[in-house]
Every structure is written in structure tokens, then in C-alpha cells.
Amino acid sequence: MPACFEYSSYAKAQNNQTRAGGTTFAYRELGPHGGIPLILLNHWGAVLDNFDPRIVDSLARKHRVIAIDYRGIGSSGGIAPVSVDEMARDTIALLRQLKAIKGWGQQAPQDLTHLHMPVLIANGDKDIMVSTALSHDMARRIPNAQFVIYQDAGHGGICQYHTDFVIKALEFPAQ
């Protein structure tokens, strides 16, 4: 894995690759080393360029930020996952490979009780791409999930309310 450089903007951060679980994953990272890194997971099918630079840049002022392309999506290799469980397992494998960490789709409900890390779930109350009810359900099924709902917001709720979201996202690791 190449050394992390501090970039002034997510849009200018270079794409990197690492192998985990037999798959090559594309990722970008920026921000200072040390402290709790933030791992950004996007909606299924989104690529690195779908992350809002206003949000990533604001988070990266205080934390190392790592954004990934899921398996089979964007510049990552392999076949795209078809469940939240598969995406979580890929993310865990990737996090282990990155060594920075110490320690999706509408389907039948999956067992998410094995996800014991804190999870922040944010959505708009009028999301027609990913039903807001599904976000409520996911937050209910993940033991340490914190749920933020943005009023009068759609699928891009965190972009519509990026200032509030950044505040909540920066406070989240300290809780």
C-alpha cells in the first residue's frame, strides 16, 4: 500500500489499489494519520467519484478518510456483491488489509447482528431510490447503529445537508 499523502481536496486525491481476500480494491485516502480513521461506504453501484468532495474534505480536516469502491464496482475487481452482508465482509477484509484500523439492494432481511462496530446510517425521509423504511430497518438490526434522518430530503440527503452531516459524522467516532 502506498504511503498516505495529505491532499487539499478529495477530488485531487489519487486512486490507489490494494488486494484483500483475493480481490483488488480501489480506494482513495486523505487526511492526517492517527486517531480514528473514517471509512466511507457509498450506495451499491456508486464509485469513488460519487462521494461529495465537500463532505470528504471537511471530514479529512480532522480524520484520515478512506473511501472504497466495492468489489466489482468502479475500479475494483471481482464480481459485485448482492447483499449487505457481502459488502460488510468485503469492507472488513479491506480494512484488515489497509492496516489503518486496529483491532445493499432490497432483499429478505439479513442477519446483521454480527456487525459489532459502531455504524452511522444517514438518509433522507423522501428517498425513492433506497426506501427510508429500509434505512430504519437496517439501523434497527445493527446493534451499535446510530440513525440520522434528514427531513424533506431525498437520496442525496447528506449532500443537501452536508454541513449538518459533517458535524454529526465528526462527532460520531467520539461517542
Protein backbone atom coordinates (compact mmCIF):
# COMPACT_ATOMS: atom_id res chain seq x y z
CA MET A 1 0.00 0.00 0.00
CA PRO A 2 1.47 3.41 -0.92
CA ALA A 3 2.15 5.98 1.75
CA CYS A 4 -0.77 8.28 2.52
CA PHE A 5 -0.24 11.84 1.40
CA GLU A 6 -2.27 14.72 2.72
CA TYR A 7 -4.29 16.24 -0.09
CA SER A 8 -6.07 19.54 -0.05
CA SER A 9 -9.04 18.05 -1.87
CA TYR A 10 -10.66 14.65 -2.31
CA ALA A 11 -11.11 15.47 -5.99
CA LYS A 12 -7.30 15.61 -6.33
CA ALA A 13 -6.54 12.52 -4.24
CA GLN A 14 -5.02 9.70 -6.26
CA ASN A 15 -6.77 6.37 -6.71
CA ASN A 16 -4.91 3.53 -5.03
CA GLN A 17 -5.36 -0.22 -5.08
CA THR A 18 -4.89 -2.98 -2.55
CA ARG A 19 -5.61 -6.72 -2.55
CA ALA A 20 -7.78 -8.32 0.10
CA GLY A 21 -9.47 -11.70 0.03
CA GLY A 22 -8.19 -12.34 -3.50
CA THR A 23 -9.77 -9.17 -4.91
CA THR A 24 -8.15 -5.89 -5.93
CA PHE A 25 -10.00 -2.95 -4.35
CA ALA A 26 -9.76 0.67 -5.48
CA TYR A 27 -9.70 3.33 -2.77
CA ARG A 28 -8.75 6.92 -2.03
CA GLU A 29 -7.44 8.27 1.23
CA LEU A 30 -6.59 11.64 2.60
CA GLY A 31 -6.29 13.48 5.87
CA PRO A 32 -3.96 13.18 8.83
CA HIS A 33 -2.74 9.86 10.22
CA GLY A 34 -3.51 8.97 13.81
CA GLY A 35 -6.75 8.89 15.68
CA ILE A 36 -9.81 7.09 14.39
CA PRO A 37 -9.92 6.75 10.59
CA LEU A 38 -13.27 7.11 8.87
CA ILE A 39 -14.22 4.52 6.25
CA LEU A 40 -16.73 5.84 3.72
CA LEU A 41 -19.15 3.34 2.21
CA ASN A 42 -21.38 4.50 -0.61
CA HIS A 43 -24.59 3.10 -2.03
CA TRP A 44 -24.37 -0.03 -4.17
CA GLY A 45 -23.15 0.79 -7.66
CA ALA A 46 -21.55 4.10 -6.67
CA VAL A 47 -17.91 4.73 -7.48
CA LEU A 48 -15.21 6.83 -5.84
CA ASP A 49 -16.27 9.91 -7.80
CA ASN A 50 -19.78 9.72 -6.30
CA PHE A 51 -18.57 10.85 -2.87
CA ASP A 52 -19.29 14.55 -2.27
CA PRO A 53 -15.91 16.36 -2.02
CA ARG A 54 -17.44 18.97 0.33
CA ILE A 55 -18.18 16.22 2.83
CA VAL A 56 -14.95 14.27 2.38
CA ASP A 57 -12.77 17.39 2.52
CA SER A 58 -14.48 18.57 5.71
CA LEU A 59 -14.10 15.17 7.39
CA ALA A 60 -10.45 14.92 6.29
CA ARG A 61 -9.53 18.08 8.17
CA LYS A 62 -9.68 16.05 11.41
CA HIS A 63 -9.54 12.39 10.38
CA ARG A 64 -7.87 10.09 7.95
CA VAL A 65 -10.63 9.28 5.44
CA ILE A 66 -10.67 6.14 3.29
CA ALA A 67 -13.28 5.77 0.52
CA ILE A 68 -13.63 2.50 -1.37
CA ASP A 69 -15.15 1.02 -4.50
CA TYR A 70 -16.98 -2.21 -3.63
CA ARG A 71 -15.92 -5.49 -5.22
CA GLY A 72 -16.90 -5.50 -8.89
CA ILE A 73 -17.80 -1.78 -8.85
CA GLY A 74 -15.79 1.06 -10.41
CA SER A 75 -12.09 0.23 -10.48
CA SER A 76 -12.32 -2.70 -8.05
CA GLY A 77 -12.00 -6.22 -9.40
CA GLY A 78 -14.22 -9.22 -8.89
CA ILE A 79 -17.97 -9.67 -9.06
CA ALA A 80 -20.24 -7.12 -7.39
CA PRO A 81 -21.77 -8.18 -4.05
CA VAL A 82 -25.51 -8.76 -3.96
CA SER A 83 -26.12 -8.38 -0.22
CA VAL A 84 -25.29 -6.03 2.62
CA ASP A 85 -23.60 -8.97 4.35
CA GLU A 86 -21.23 -9.49 1.39
CA MET A 87 -20.45 -5.76 1.27
CA ALA A 88 -19.72 -5.76 5.02
CA ARG A 89 -17.43 -8.79 4.71
CA ASP A 90 -15.55 -7.14 1.82
CA THR A 91 -15.18 -3.96 3.85
CA ILE A 92 -13.87 -5.86 6.87
CA ALA A 93 -11.36 -7.72 4.67
CA LEU A 94 -10.28 -4.45 3.08
CA LEU A 95 -9.89 -2.73 6.45
CA ARG A 96 -7.66 -5.54 7.69
CA GLN A 97 -5.54 -5.22 4.56
CA LEU A 98 -5.20 -1.44 4.85
CA LYS A 99 -3.69 -1.82 8.36
CA ALA A 100 -5.11 1.59 9.25
CA ILE A 101 -7.68 0.00 11.51
CA LYS A 102 -6.60 -1.67 14.69
CA GLY A 103 -8.34 -4.17 16.07
CA TRP A 104 -27.26 -3.06 -0.05
CA GLY A 105 -30.39 -3.71 -2.64
CA GLN A 106 -33.78 -4.69 -1.31
CA GLN A 107 -33.78 -8.32 -0.24
CA ALA A 108 -35.08 -10.52 2.53
CA PRO A 109 -33.80 -9.23 5.89
CA GLN A 110 -30.27 -10.35 6.63
CA ASP A 111 -28.71 -11.10 9.99
CA LEU A 112 -26.65 -8.01 10.77
CA THR A 113 -26.26 -8.70 14.49
CA HIS A 114 -22.64 -9.83 13.94
CA LEU A 115 -21.67 -6.26 12.95
CA HIS A 116 -20.49 -5.00 16.34
CA MET A 117 -18.65 -1.88 15.20
CA PRO A 118 -20.41 1.48 15.52
CA VAL A 119 -22.28 2.36 12.32
CA LEU A 120 -23.69 5.73 11.28
CA ILE A 121 -26.63 5.46 8.86
CA ALA A 122 -27.94 8.64 7.24
CA ASN A 123 -30.81 9.03 4.81
CA GLY A 124 -33.44 11.46 3.61
CA ASP A 125 -37.06 10.99 4.62
CA LYS A 126 -38.16 11.06 0.97
CA ASP A 127 -35.57 8.74 -0.59
CA ILE A 128 -37.18 6.94 -3.52
CA MET A 129 -34.01 5.07 -4.58
CA VAL A 130 -33.40 3.39 -1.22
CA SER A 131 -36.61 3.40 0.76
CA THR A 132 -36.28 5.32 4.00
CA ALA A 133 -38.04 2.40 5.68
CA LEU A 134 -35.11 0.15 4.69
CA SER A 135 -32.67 2.53 6.37
CA HIS A 136 -34.79 2.46 9.53
CA ASP A 137 -34.81 -1.34 9.36
CA MET A 138 -31.04 -1.59 8.85
CA ALA A 139 -30.41 0.77 11.79
CA ARG A 140 -32.69 -1.38 13.95
CA ARG A 141 -30.85 -4.60 13.02
CA ILE A 142 -27.26 -3.38 13.56
CA PRO A 143 -26.53 -3.41 17.31
CA ASN A 144 -24.47 -0.17 17.53
CA ALA A 145 -26.10 1.80 14.73
CA GLN A 146 -26.89 5.48 15.03
CA PHE A 147 -29.55 6.72 12.61
CA VAL A 148 -29.86 10.23 11.17
CA ILE A 149 -32.87 11.16 9.05
CA TYR A 150 -32.93 14.41 7.07
CA GLN A 151 -36.34 15.99 6.65
CA ASP A 152 -37.57 16.90 3.19
CA ALA A 153 -34.52 15.24 1.65
CA GLY A 154 -34.11 12.52 -0.95
CA HIS A 155 -31.36 10.06 -1.79
CA GLY A 156 -28.73 12.81 -1.57
CA GLY A 157 -29.78 13.92 1.91
CA ILE A 158 -26.21 14.09 3.19
CA CYS A 159 -25.34 16.38 0.28
CA GLN A 160 -28.41 18.54 0.80
CA TYR A 161 -27.50 18.87 4.49
CA HIS A 162 -23.73 18.46 4.12
CA THR A 163 -22.84 20.94 6.89
CA ASP A 164 -25.02 19.16 9.46
CA PHE A 165 -23.89 15.74 8.23
CA VAL A 166 -20.20 16.63 8.59
CA ILE A 167 -20.80 17.78 12.17
CA LYS A 168 -22.60 14.53 13.02
CA ALA A 169 -20.00 12.39 11.22
CA LEU A 170 -17.14 14.10 13.07
CA GLU A 171 -18.89 13.67 16.43
CA PHE A 172 -19.76 10.02 15.75
CA PRO A 173 -16.35 8.34 16.39
CA ALA A 174 -16.06 10.08 19.78
CA GLN A 175 -19.36 8.62 21.04
